[in-house]
Amino acid sequence: MKKEALYQYVDHTALKAFTTWQEIRTLCQEALDYGMVSVCIPSSYVRRAHEAFPELTICTVTGFPLGNASTEAKLAETRQALADGAGEVDMVINIGMVKNGEYDAVTEEIRLLKKETGERILKVIIETCYLTEEEKIRMCRAVTEAGADYIKTSTGFGTAGAALADVKLMKEHIGPKVKIKAAGGIRSREEMEAYIAAGCSRIGTSS
């Protein structure tokens, strides 16, 4: 696959705690120059990025990186990000609820955030490094039942990032309308091509 085609899968990402506005500006310009799908940035920069680069799709993260904020807090964060100009939102599930077996509550939280995003894209980060195979399968069902647009492997801030085995598992258990985003540790062209071949429609990378 030509590198120009690979760029069309990329959410160009900068989410470290010490990311500066100048780094965000550079990220946005690179995304435009190379035809990337979006930039994924902290919510505090969404308004400035949208005003400086109105033609660019801005993605941000909700409940990031731990996912254990209240549903109300995630909704408020999502609502503000959309008002500031975000076109896409990547939310982190409540992993503790998954471990409690509270799958209905997790599904309902995703459903509420999808209702908030409406026509705009919602990606659901399940942080695969913390889940058992059965929990991953249950999250595939939750994302599908809640009507989210994407299931995403990782925040990039957990104990491990994306794994091809997880993408293949997701592909087997998600509904036909759900797409897959892989993120965390994907740094080479060969890795990108492997994840796309396995079924990913988006790749999140800061490399």
C-alpha atoms as a PDB file:
ATOM      1  CA  MET A   1       0.000   0.000   0.000  1.00  0.00           C
ATOM      2  CA  LYS A   2       1.317   3.452  -0.927  1.00  0.00           C
ATOM      3  CA  LYS A   3       2.030   5.730   2.007  1.00  0.00           C
ATOM      4  CA  GLU A   4      -0.446   8.282   0.649  1.00  0.00           C
ATOM      5  CA  ALA A   5      -3.174   5.669   1.046  1.00  0.00           C
ATOM      6  CA  LEU A   6      -1.996   4.812   4.568  1.00  0.00           C
ATOM      7  CA  TYR A   7      -2.371   8.430   5.699  1.00  0.00           C
ATOM      8  CA  GLN A   8      -6.112   8.184   4.986  1.00  0.00           C
ATOM      9  CA  TYR A   9      -6.454   5.762   7.924  1.00  0.00           C
ATOM     10  CA  VAL A  10      -4.608   7.906  10.473  1.00  0.00           C
ATOM     11  CA  ASP A  11      -5.934   9.833  13.458  1.00  0.00           C
ATOM     12  CA  HIS A  12      -2.809  11.948  14.057  1.00  0.00           C
ATOM     13  CA  THR A  13      -2.522  12.000  17.841  1.00  0.00           C
ATOM     14  CA  ALA A  14      -0.980  14.108  20.618  1.00  0.00           C
ATOM     15  CA  LEU A  15      -2.403  13.411  24.083  1.00  0.00           C
ATOM     16  CA  LYS A  16       0.533  13.609  26.487  1.00  0.00           C
ATOM     17  CA  ALA A  17       0.035  15.740  29.594  1.00  0.00           C
ATOM     18  CA  PHE A  18       2.741  18.206  28.541  1.00  0.00           C
ATOM     19  CA  THR A  19       1.613  18.717  24.931  1.00  0.00           C
ATOM     20  CA  THR A  20       1.967  22.398  23.988  1.00  0.00           C
ATOM     21  CA  TRP A  21      -0.131  24.542  21.667  1.00  0.00           C
ATOM     22  CA  GLN A  22       2.756  24.791  19.229  1.00  0.00           C
ATOM     23  CA  GLU A  23       2.904  20.988  19.066  1.00  0.00           C
ATOM     24  CA  ILE A  24      -0.846  20.904  18.420  1.00  0.00           C
ATOM     25  CA  ARG A  25      -0.465  23.453  15.603  1.00  0.00           C
ATOM     26  CA  THR A  26       2.292  21.353  14.023  1.00  0.00           C
ATOM     27  CA  LEU A  27       0.170  18.210  14.357  1.00  0.00           C
ATOM     28  CA  CYS A  28      -2.792  19.883  12.669  1.00  0.00           C
ATOM     29  CA  GLN A  29      -0.703  21.208   9.799  1.00  0.00           C
ATOM     30  CA  GLU A  30       0.850  17.780   9.232  1.00  0.00           C
ATOM     31  CA  ALA A  31      -2.607  16.201   9.171  1.00  0.00           C
ATOM     32  CA  LEU A  32      -3.685  18.659   6.482  1.00  0.00           C
ATOM     33  CA  ASP A  33      -0.480  18.347   4.477  1.00  0.00           C
ATOM     34  CA  TYR A  34      -0.625  14.557   4.369  1.00  0.00           C
ATOM     35  CA  GLY A  35      -4.375  14.054   4.092  1.00  0.00           C
ATOM     36  CA  MET A  36      -4.908  12.336   7.440  1.00  0.00           C
ATOM     37  CA  VAL A  37      -8.448  11.654   8.657  1.00  0.00           C
ATOM     38  CA  SER A  38      -8.277  13.718  11.838  1.00  0.00           C
ATOM     39  CA  VAL A  39      -6.184  14.928  14.714  1.00  0.00           C
ATOM     40  CA  CYS A  40      -6.876  13.493  18.170  1.00  0.00           C
ATOM     41  CA  ILE A  41      -6.047  16.084  20.820  1.00  0.00           C
ATOM     42  CA  PRO A  42      -6.888  17.050  24.428  1.00  0.00           C
ATOM     43  CA  SER A  43     -10.276  18.728  24.835  1.00  0.00           C
ATOM     44  CA  SER A  44      -8.666  21.920  26.171  1.00  0.00           C
ATOM     45  CA  TYR A  45      -7.206  22.545  22.701  1.00  0.00           C
ATOM     46  CA  VAL A  46     -10.289  21.702  20.625  1.00  0.00           C
ATOM     47  CA  ARG A  47     -11.684  25.231  20.293  1.00  0.00           C
ATOM     48  CA  ARG A  48      -8.322  26.771  19.365  1.00  0.00           C
ATOM     49  CA  ALA A  49      -7.559  23.996  16.882  1.00  0.00           C
ATOM     50  CA  HIS A  50     -10.989  24.253  15.282  1.00  0.00           C
ATOM     51  CA  GLU A  51     -10.666  28.031  14.931  1.00  0.00           C
ATOM     52  CA  ALA A  52      -7.134  27.805  13.509  1.00  0.00           C
ATOM     53  CA  PHE A  53      -7.865  24.847  11.198  1.00  0.00           C
ATOM     54  CA  PRO A  54     -11.619  24.920  10.441  1.00  0.00           C
ATOM     55  CA  GLU A  55     -11.240  22.535   7.507  1.00  0.00           C
ATOM     56  CA  LEU A  56      -9.727  19.802   9.703  1.00  0.00           C
ATOM     57  CA  THR A  57     -11.681  17.118  11.557  1.00  0.00           C
ATOM     58  CA  ILE A  58     -10.897  17.454  15.255  1.00  0.00           C
ATOM     59  CA  CYS A  59     -11.210  14.405  17.494  1.00  0.00           C
ATOM     60  CA  THR A  60     -10.889  14.499  21.259  1.00  0.00           C
ATOM     61  CA  VAL A  61     -11.079  12.075  24.169  1.00  0.00           C
ATOM     62  CA  THR A  62     -13.642  11.746  26.967  1.00  0.00           C
ATOM     63  CA  GLY A  63     -12.974  10.090  30.317  1.00  0.00           C
ATOM     64  CA  PHE A  64      -9.348   9.799  29.289  1.00  0.00           C
ATOM     65  CA  PRO A  65      -7.241   7.845  30.067  1.00  0.00           C
ATOM     66  CA  LEU A  66      -8.717   5.824  32.959  1.00  0.00           C
ATOM     67  CA  GLY A  67     -12.402   5.796  32.041  1.00  0.00           C
ATOM     68  CA  ASN A  68     -13.600   5.870  35.644  1.00  0.00           C
ATOM     69  CA  ALA A  69     -15.219   9.315  35.662  1.00  0.00           C
ATOM     70  CA  SER A  70     -18.968   9.391  36.211  1.00  0.00           C
ATOM     71  CA  THR A  71     -21.271   9.116  33.227  1.00  0.00           C
ATOM     72  CA  GLU A  72     -22.501  12.643  33.939  1.00  0.00           C
ATOM     73  CA  ALA A  73     -18.931  13.983  33.804  1.00  0.00           C
ATOM     74  CA  LYS A  74     -18.277  12.164  30.517  1.00  0.00           C
ATOM     75  CA  LEU A  75     -21.482  13.599  29.062  1.00  0.00           C
ATOM     76  CA  ALA A  76     -20.540  17.120  30.142  1.00  0.00           C
ATOM     77  CA  GLU A  77     -17.049  16.749  28.687  1.00  0.00           C
ATOM     78  CA  THR A  78     -18.474  15.411  25.439  1.00  0.00           C
ATOM     79  CA  ARG A  79     -21.075  18.174  25.207  1.00  0.00           C
ATOM     80  CA  GLN A  80     -18.441  20.881  25.660  1.00  0.00           C
ATOM     81  CA  ALA A  81     -16.069  19.287  23.148  1.00  0.00           C
ATOM     82  CA  LEU A  82     -18.800  19.196  20.508  1.00  0.00           C
ATOM     83  CA  ALA A  83     -19.679  22.828  21.224  1.00  0.00           C
ATOM     84  CA  ASP A  84     -15.999  23.727  20.813  1.00  0.00           C
ATOM     85  CA  GLY A  85     -15.876  22.121  17.369  1.00  0.00           C
ATOM     86  CA  ALA A  86     -14.987  18.461  17.831  1.00  0.00           C
ATOM     87  CA  GLY A  87     -16.217  16.297  14.972  1.00  0.00           C
ATOM     88  CA  GLU A  88     -15.367  13.004  16.658  1.00  0.00           C
ATOM     89  CA  VAL A  89     -15.104  11.745  20.231  1.00  0.00           C
ATOM     90  CA  ASP A  90     -13.120   8.789  21.579  1.00  0.00           C
ATOM     91  CA  MET A  91     -14.527   7.713  24.966  1.00  0.00           C
ATOM     92  CA  VAL A  92     -12.947   5.341  27.499  1.00  0.00           C
ATOM     93  CA  ILE A  93     -15.268   2.766  29.041  1.00  0.00           C
ATOM     94  CA  ASN A  94     -15.527   2.331  32.806  1.00  0.00           C
ATOM     95  CA  ILE A  95     -13.192  -0.642  33.171  1.00  0.00           C
ATOM     96  CA  GLY A  96     -14.106  -1.110  36.830  1.00  0.00           C
ATOM     97  CA  MET A  97     -17.725  -1.644  35.820  1.00  0.00           C
ATOM     98  CA  VAL A  98     -16.611  -4.287  33.345  1.00  0.00           C
ATOM     99  CA  LYS A  99     -14.682  -6.050  36.100  1.00  0.00           C
ATOM    100  CA  ASN A 100     -17.802  -5.864  38.284  1.00  0.00           C
ATOM    101  CA  GLY A 101     -19.770  -7.594  35.543  1.00  0.00           C
ATOM    102  CA  GLU A 102     -21.961  -4.494  35.142  1.00  0.00           C
ATOM    103  CA  TYR A 103     -22.212  -4.882  31.384  1.00  0.00           C
ATOM    104  CA  ASP A 104     -25.654  -3.274  31.116  1.00  0.00           C
ATOM    105  CA  ALA A 105     -24.365  -0.130  32.849  1.00  0.00           C
ATOM    106  CA  VAL A 106     -21.400   0.084  30.474  1.00  0.00           C
ATOM    107  CA  THR A 107     -23.707  -0.367  27.489  1.00  0.00           C
ATOM    108  CA  GLU A 108     -26.025   2.359  28.768  1.00  0.00           C
ATOM    109  CA  GLU A 109     -23.138   4.797  29.254  1.00  0.00           C
ATOM    110  CA  ILE A 110     -22.003   4.235  25.671  1.00  0.00           C
ATOM    111  CA  ARG A 111     -25.586   4.648  24.462  1.00  0.00           C
ATOM    112  CA  LEU A 112     -25.932   7.982  26.279  1.00  0.00           C
ATOM    113  CA  LEU A 113     -22.688   9.315  24.822  1.00  0.00           C
ATOM    114  CA  LYS A 114     -23.744   8.203  21.349  1.00  0.00           C
ATOM    115  CA  LYS A 115     -27.039  10.028  21.827  1.00  0.00           C
ATOM    116  CA  GLU A 116     -25.010  13.125  22.719  1.00  0.00           C
ATOM    117  CA  THR A 117     -22.707  12.878  19.677  1.00  0.00           C
ATOM    118  CA  GLY A 118     -25.604  12.240  17.301  1.00  0.00           C
ATOM    119  CA  GLU A 119     -24.388  12.261  13.707  1.00  0.00           C
ATOM    120  CA  ARG A 120     -20.799  12.797  14.782  1.00  0.00           C
ATOM    121  CA  ILE A 121     -18.543   9.775  15.253  1.00  0.00           C
ATOM    122  CA  LEU A 122     -18.170   8.072  18.633  1.00  0.00           C
ATOM    123  CA  LYS A 123     -15.293   5.627  19.140  1.00  0.00           C
ATOM    124  CA  VAL A 124     -15.264   3.449  22.258  1.00  0.00           C
ATOM    125  CA  ILE A 125     -11.895   2.610  23.830  1.00  0.00           C
ATOM    126  CA  ILE A 126     -12.137  -0.684  25.705  1.00  0.00           C
ATOM    127  CA  GLU A 127      -8.459  -0.815  26.832  1.00  0.00           C
ATOM    128  CA  THR A 128      -7.867  -4.438  25.853  1.00  0.00           C
ATOM    129  CA  CYS A 129      -4.744  -4.856  28.006  1.00  0.00           C
ATOM    130  CA  TYR A 130      -6.934  -4.970  31.134  1.00  0.00           C
ATOM    131  CA  LEU A 131      -9.644  -7.308  29.840  1.00  0.00           C
ATOM    132  CA  THR A 132     -10.076 -11.056  29.596  1.00  0.00           C
ATOM    133  CA  GLU A 133     -11.152 -12.567  26.278  1.00  0.00           C
ATOM    134  CA  GLU A 134     -14.713 -12.951  27.559  1.00  0.00           C
ATOM    135  CA  GLU A 135     -14.764  -9.308  28.667  1.00  0.00           C
ATOM    136  CA  LYS A 136     -13.514  -8.198  25.257  1.00  0.00           C
ATOM    137  CA  ILE A 137     -16.307 -10.153  23.599  1.00  0.00           C
ATOM    138  CA  ARG A 138     -18.864  -8.624  25.959  1.00  0.00           C
ATOM    139  CA  MET A 139     -17.550  -5.165  25.092  1.00  0.00           C
ATOM    140  CA  CYS A 140     -17.920  -5.920  21.380  1.00  0.00           C
ATOM    141  CA  ARG A 141     -21.584  -6.642  22.114  1.00  0.00           C
ATOM    142  CA  ALA A 142     -21.940  -3.524  24.268  1.00  0.00           C
ATOM    143  CA  VAL A 143     -20.489  -1.230  21.608  1.00  0.00           C
ATOM    144  CA  THR A 144     -22.724  -2.809  18.974  1.00  0.00           C
ATOM    145  CA  GLU A 145     -25.905  -2.673  21.058  1.00  0.00           C
ATOM    146  CA  ALA A 146     -25.257   0.937  22.121  1.00  0.00           C
ATOM    147  CA  GLY A 147     -24.951   2.075  18.501  1.00  0.00           C
ATOM    148  CA  ALA A 148     -21.405   3.461  18.643  1.00  0.00           C
ATOM    149  CA  ASP A 149     -19.493   3.878  15.399  1.00  0.00           C
ATOM    150  CA  TYR A 150     -16.135   2.345  16.354  1.00  0.00           C
ATOM    151  CA  ILE A 151     -14.571   0.035  18.886  1.00  0.00           C
ATOM    152  CA  LYS A 152     -10.989   0.993  19.738  1.00  0.00           C
ATOM    153  CA  THR A 153      -8.279  -1.162  21.275  1.00  0.00           C
ATOM    154  CA  SER A 154      -6.364   1.143  23.585  1.00  0.00           C
ATOM    155  CA  THR A 155      -5.643   4.581  24.999  1.00  0.00           C
ATOM    156  CA  GLY A 156      -1.904   4.175  24.494  1.00  0.00           C
ATOM    157  CA  PHE A 157      -1.512   4.906  28.213  1.00  0.00           C
ATOM    158  CA  GLY A 158      -2.254   1.414  29.575  1.00  0.00           C
ATOM    159  CA  THR A 159       0.119  -1.458  30.265  1.00  0.00           C
ATOM    160  CA  ALA A 160       0.020  -2.488  26.593  1.00  0.00           C
ATOM    161  CA  GLY A 161      -1.286  -1.138  23.299  1.00  0.00           C
ATOM    162  CA  ALA A 162      -2.874  -2.668  20.247  1.00  0.00           C
ATOM    163  CA  ALA A 163      -2.546  -6.351  19.391  1.00  0.00           C
ATOM    164  CA  LEU A 164      -3.505  -8.016  16.128  1.00  0.00           C
ATOM    165  CA  ALA A 165      -5.143 -10.878  18.021  1.00  0.00           C
ATOM    166  CA  ASP A 166      -7.521  -8.400  19.665  1.00  0.00           C
ATOM    167  CA  VAL A 167      -8.432  -6.814  16.339  1.00  0.00           C
ATOM    168  CA  LYS A 168      -9.217 -10.238  14.891  1.00  0.00           C
ATOM    169  CA  LEU A 169     -11.361 -11.043  17.944  1.00  0.00           C
ATOM    170  CA  MET A 170     -13.238  -7.761  17.560  1.00  0.00           C
ATOM    171  CA  LYS A 171     -13.815  -8.381  13.878  1.00  0.00           C
ATOM    172  CA  GLU A 172     -15.465 -11.673  14.755  1.00  0.00           C
ATOM    173  CA  HIS A 173     -17.793 -10.291  17.441  1.00  0.00           C
ATOM    174  CA  ILE A 174     -18.806  -6.717  16.517  1.00  0.00           C
ATOM    175  CA  GLY A 175     -21.918  -5.913  14.540  1.00  0.00           C
ATOM    176  CA  PRO A 176     -21.792  -5.101  10.819  1.00  0.00           C
ATOM    177  CA  LYS A 177     -22.073  -1.328  11.370  1.00  0.00           C
ATOM    178  CA  VAL A 178     -19.201  -1.096  13.875  1.00  0.00           C
ATOM    179  CA  LYS A 179     -15.697  -0.277  12.652  1.00  0.00           C
ATOM    180  CA  ILE A 180     -12.364  -0.892  14.378  1.00  0.00           C
ATOM    181  CA  LYS A 181      -9.651   1.538  15.430  1.00  0.00           C
ATOM    182  CA  ALA A 182      -6.279   0.272  16.625  1.00  0.00           C
ATOM    183  CA  ALA A 183      -4.043   2.495  18.747  1.00  0.00           C
ATOM    184  CA  GLY A 184      -1.066   2.181  21.040  1.00  0.00           C
ATOM    185  CA  GLY A 185       2.410   1.223  19.908  1.00  0.00           C
ATOM    186  CA  ILE A 186       1.817   1.227  16.143  1.00  0.00           C
ATOM    187  CA  ARG A 187       4.892   2.904  14.722  1.00  0.00           C
ATOM    188  CA  SER A 188       5.913   1.317  11.412  1.00  0.00           C
ATOM    189  CA  ARG A 189       4.435   1.104   7.934  1.00  0.00           C
ATOM    190  CA  GLU A 190       4.469  -2.695   8.157  1.00  0.00           C
ATOM    191  CA  GLU A 191       2.476  -2.638  11.394  1.00  0.00           C
ATOM    192  CA  MET A 192      -0.073  -0.254   9.892  1.00  0.00           C
ATOM    193  CA  GLU A 193      -0.549  -2.457   6.862  1.00  0.00           C
ATOM    194  CA  ALA A 194      -1.008  -5.527   9.073  1.00  0.00           C
ATOM    195  CA  TYR A 195      -3.693  -3.827  11.173  1.00  0.00           C
ATOM    196  CA  ILE A 196      -5.534  -2.565   8.097  1.00  0.00           C
ATOM    197  CA  ALA A 197      -5.418  -6.046   6.586  1.00  0.00           C
ATOM    198  CA  ALA A 198      -6.855  -7.438   9.836  1.00  0.00           C
ATOM    199  CA  GLY A 199      -9.877  -5.155   9.519  1.00  0.00           C
ATOM    200  CA  CYS A 200      -9.031  -1.739  10.986  1.00  0.00           C
ATOM    201  CA  SER A 201     -10.593   1.354   9.443  1.00  0.00           C
ATOM    202  CA  ARG A 202      -8.579   3.759  11.602  1.00  0.00           C
ATOM    203  CA  ILE A 203      -5.118   3.804  13.127  1.00  0.00           C
ATOM    204  CA  GLY A 204      -4.314   6.093  16.023  1.00  0.00           C
ATOM    205  CA  THR A 205      -0.646   7.002  16.210  1.00  0.00           C
ATOM    206  CA  SER A 206       1.591   9.775  17.493  1.00  0.00           C
ATOM    207  CA  SER A 207       4.584   8.449  15.534  1.00  0.00           C
END
